[in-house]
């Protein structure tokens, strides 16, 4: 749409590493449709990347002794997470919600991104 952006400035955080990035519009937006596209692009990109991380991380092997463990309910409570994790770890969806499931860190990051975008 031809919207000019400034270079992103990363916002650091001691607990999570980053709070995200701040961009600034360099000029006024021509119309509401372009403004809507700009506002919608960031969350949509975050959703796509998070879904990709969860899907790929589900297929990656884990060492159950050192892998992060989450309750199965964390996967079962989200329809999108359940859909993405079912091909690789479908058994986790049939466990009790308080049962522990070992996931690859990439899948945990994807699940966290889905929750942040919800």
C-alpha atoms as a PDB file:
ATOM      1  CA  UNK A   1       0.000   0.000   0.000  1.00  0.00           C
ATOM      2  CA  UNK A   2       3.032   2.276  -0.045  1.00  0.00           C
ATOM      3  CA  UNK A   3       3.081   3.156   3.652  1.00  0.00           C
ATOM      4  CA  UNK A   4       6.511   4.425   4.750  1.00  0.00           C
ATOM      5  CA  UNK A   5       7.810   2.977   8.052  1.00  0.00           C
ATOM      6  CA  UNK A   6      10.740   3.857  10.237  1.00  0.00           C
ATOM      7  CA  UNK A   7      13.349   1.253  11.165  1.00  0.00           C
ATOM      8  CA  UNK A   8      11.993  -0.964  13.993  1.00  0.00           C
ATOM      9  CA  UNK A   9      13.288  -0.244  17.490  1.00  0.00           C
ATOM     10  CA  UNK A  10      13.473  -3.356  19.683  1.00  0.00           C
ATOM     11  CA  UNK A  11      12.074  -2.959  23.181  1.00  0.00           C
ATOM     12  CA  UNK A  12      14.140  -5.067  25.620  1.00  0.00           C
ATOM     13  CA  UNK A  13      12.818  -6.921  28.642  1.00  0.00           C
ATOM     14  CA  UNK A  14      14.750  -8.661  31.392  1.00  0.00           C
ATOM     15  CA  UNK A  15      12.176 -11.430  31.809  1.00  0.00           C
ATOM     16  CA  UNK A  16      11.255 -12.366  28.232  1.00  0.00           C
ATOM     17  CA  UNK A  17      14.165 -10.929  26.251  1.00  0.00           C
ATOM     18  CA  UNK A  18      12.019  -8.572  24.206  1.00  0.00           C
ATOM     19  CA  UNK A  19       8.652  -6.865  24.445  1.00  0.00           C
ATOM     20  CA  UNK A  20       8.489  -6.548  20.681  1.00  0.00           C
ATOM     21  CA  UNK A  21       9.354  -3.728  18.351  1.00  0.00           C
ATOM     22  CA  UNK A  22       8.101  -0.196  17.843  1.00  0.00           C
ATOM     23  CA  UNK A  23       7.738   1.263  14.376  1.00  0.00           C
ATOM     24  CA  UNK A  24       6.775   4.785  13.477  1.00  0.00           C
ATOM     25  CA  UNK A  25       4.872   5.932  10.423  1.00  0.00           C
ATOM     26  CA  UNK A  26       7.013   8.399   8.479  1.00  0.00           C
ATOM     27  CA  UNK A  27       4.044  10.060   6.802  1.00  0.00           C
ATOM     28  CA  UNK A  28       0.276  10.208   7.070  1.00  0.00           C
ATOM     29  CA  UNK A  29      -1.719   7.272   5.742  1.00  0.00           C
ATOM     30  CA  UNK A  30      -3.782   8.018   2.653  1.00  0.00           C
ATOM     31  CA  UNK A  31      -7.008   6.229   3.568  1.00  0.00           C
ATOM     32  CA  UNK A  32      -8.655   3.995   6.151  1.00  0.00           C
ATOM     33  CA  UNK A  33      -8.089   0.834   4.135  1.00  0.00           C
ATOM     34  CA  UNK A  34      -4.319   1.358   4.227  1.00  0.00           C
ATOM     35  CA  UNK A  35      -4.461   2.127   7.951  1.00  0.00           C
ATOM     36  CA  UNK A  36      -6.428  -1.086   8.537  1.00  0.00           C
ATOM     37  CA  UNK A  37      -3.894  -3.093   6.521  1.00  0.00           C
ATOM     38  CA  UNK A  38      -1.036  -1.636   8.567  1.00  0.00           C
ATOM     39  CA  UNK A  39      -2.792  -2.423  11.855  1.00  0.00           C
ATOM     40  CA  UNK A  40      -3.705  -5.960  10.747  1.00  0.00           C
ATOM     41  CA  UNK A  41      -0.309  -6.926   9.288  1.00  0.00           C
ATOM     42  CA  UNK A  42       1.601  -7.233  12.585  1.00  0.00           C
ATOM     43  CA  UNK A  43      -0.766  -9.580  14.444  1.00  0.00           C
ATOM     44  CA  UNK A  44      -1.299 -11.639  11.290  1.00  0.00           C
ATOM     45  CA  UNK A  45       2.451 -12.079  10.822  1.00  0.00           C
ATOM     46  CA  UNK A  46       2.811 -13.064  14.479  1.00  0.00           C
ATOM     47  CA  UNK A  47       0.019 -15.620  14.144  1.00  0.00           C
ATOM     48  CA  UNK A  48       1.542 -17.180  11.029  1.00  0.00           C
ATOM     49  CA  UNK A  49       5.033 -17.439  12.569  1.00  0.00           C
ATOM     50  CA  UNK A  50       3.666 -18.845  15.842  1.00  0.00           C
ATOM     51  CA  UNK A  51       1.574 -21.456  14.032  1.00  0.00           C
ATOM     52  CA  UNK A  52       4.601 -22.458  11.951  1.00  0.00           C
ATOM     53  CA  UNK A  53       6.776 -22.798  15.073  1.00  0.00           C
ATOM     54  CA  UNK A  54       4.176 -24.957  16.825  1.00  0.00           C
ATOM     55  CA  UNK A  55       3.631 -27.211  13.805  1.00  0.00           C
ATOM     56  CA  UNK A  56       7.341 -27.710  13.088  1.00  0.00           C
ATOM     57  CA  UNK A  57       8.296 -27.965  16.766  1.00  0.00           C
ATOM     58  CA  UNK A  58       5.785 -30.764  17.215  1.00  0.00           C
ATOM     59  CA  UNK A  59       7.659 -32.912  14.723  1.00  0.00           C
ATOM     60  CA  UNK A  60      11.110 -32.259  16.199  1.00  0.00           C
ATOM     61  CA  UNK A  61      12.426 -34.867  18.589  1.00  0.00           C
ATOM     62  CA  UNK A  62      12.710 -34.141  22.297  1.00  0.00           C
ATOM     63  CA  UNK A  63      14.776 -35.498  25.149  1.00  0.00           C
ATOM     64  CA  UNK A  64      12.116 -35.941  27.796  1.00  0.00           C
ATOM     65  CA  UNK A  65      14.679 -35.468  30.571  1.00  0.00           C
ATOM     66  CA  UNK A  66      15.608 -31.937  29.481  1.00  0.00           C
ATOM     67  CA  UNK A  67      12.670 -30.790  27.324  1.00  0.00           C
ATOM     68  CA  UNK A  68      10.195 -28.231  28.653  1.00  0.00           C
ATOM     69  CA  UNK A  69       7.029 -29.889  29.940  1.00  0.00           C
ATOM     70  CA  UNK A  70       3.572 -28.389  29.749  1.00  0.00           C
ATOM     71  CA  UNK A  71       0.219 -29.647  30.962  1.00  0.00           C
ATOM     72  CA  UNK A  72      -1.780 -31.333  28.209  1.00  0.00           C
ATOM     73  CA  UNK A  73      -4.573 -28.867  28.926  1.00  0.00           C
ATOM     74  CA  UNK A  74      -2.436 -26.082  27.448  1.00  0.00           C
ATOM     75  CA  UNK A  75      -2.717 -27.807  24.072  1.00  0.00           C
ATOM     76  CA  UNK A  76      -6.297 -28.996  24.513  1.00  0.00           C
ATOM     77  CA  UNK A  77      -7.767 -25.593  25.405  1.00  0.00           C
ATOM     78  CA  UNK A  78      -6.821 -23.999  22.092  1.00  0.00           C
ATOM     79  CA  UNK A  79      -8.573 -25.225  18.956  1.00  0.00           C
ATOM     80  CA  UNK A  80      -5.785 -23.941  16.710  1.00  0.00           C
ATOM     81  CA  UNK A  81      -3.029 -25.446  18.878  1.00  0.00           C
ATOM     82  CA  UNK A  82      -4.891 -28.779  18.937  1.00  0.00           C
ATOM     83  CA  UNK A  83      -5.237 -28.716  15.160  1.00  0.00           C
ATOM     84  CA  UNK A  84      -1.548 -27.922  14.631  1.00  0.00           C
ATOM     85  CA  UNK A  85      -0.155 -30.403  17.154  1.00  0.00           C
ATOM     86  CA  UNK A  86      -2.487 -33.327  16.271  1.00  0.00           C
ATOM     87  CA  UNK A  87      -0.459 -34.680  13.300  1.00  0.00           C
ATOM     88  CA  UNK A  88       2.718 -34.964  15.368  1.00  0.00           C
ATOM     89  CA  UNK A  89       1.598 -35.486  18.970  1.00  0.00           C
ATOM     90  CA  UNK A  90      -2.037 -36.491  18.726  1.00  0.00           C
ATOM     91  CA  UNK A  91      -1.740 -38.685  21.825  1.00  0.00           C
ATOM     92  CA  UNK A  92      -1.245 -35.553  23.933  1.00  0.00           C
ATOM     93  CA  UNK A  93      -4.778 -34.478  23.060  1.00  0.00           C
ATOM     94  CA  UNK A  94      -6.295 -37.602  24.614  1.00  0.00           C
ATOM     95  CA  UNK A  95      -4.476 -37.300  27.945  1.00  0.00           C
ATOM     96  CA  UNK A  96      -5.976 -35.857  31.108  1.00  0.00           C
ATOM     97  CA  UNK A  97      -5.646 -32.038  31.181  1.00  0.00           C
ATOM     98  CA  UNK A  98      -3.220 -32.158  34.109  1.00  0.00           C
ATOM     99  CA  UNK A  99      -0.930 -34.768  32.479  1.00  0.00           C
ATOM    100  CA  UNK A 100       2.528 -33.525  31.511  1.00  0.00           C
ATOM    101  CA  UNK A 101       3.630 -33.397  27.859  1.00  0.00           C
ATOM    102  CA  UNK A 102       7.258 -32.850  26.811  1.00  0.00           C
ATOM    103  CA  UNK A 103       7.577 -30.503  23.825  1.00  0.00           C
ATOM    104  CA  UNK A 104      10.445 -29.125  21.792  1.00  0.00           C
ATOM    105  CA  UNK A 105      11.310 -25.525  22.791  1.00  0.00           C
ATOM    106  CA  UNK A 106      10.271 -24.362  19.318  1.00  0.00           C
ATOM    107  CA  UNK A 107       6.777 -25.771  19.894  1.00  0.00           C
ATOM    108  CA  UNK A 108       6.619 -24.089  23.311  1.00  0.00           C
ATOM    109  CA  UNK A 109       7.578 -20.775  21.683  1.00  0.00           C
ATOM    110  CA  UNK A 110       4.876 -21.290  19.056  1.00  0.00           C
ATOM    111  CA  UNK A 111       2.268 -22.013  21.707  1.00  0.00           C
ATOM    112  CA  UNK A 112       3.318 -18.918  23.634  1.00  0.00           C
ATOM    113  CA  UNK A 113       2.998 -16.861  20.468  1.00  0.00           C
ATOM    114  CA  UNK A 114      -0.489 -18.202  19.830  1.00  0.00           C
ATOM    115  CA  UNK A 115      -1.513 -17.315  23.358  1.00  0.00           C
ATOM    116  CA  UNK A 116      -0.026 -13.832  23.000  1.00  0.00           C
ATOM    117  CA  UNK A 117      -1.923 -13.277  19.748  1.00  0.00           C
ATOM    118  CA  UNK A 118      -5.217 -14.571  21.132  1.00  0.00           C
END
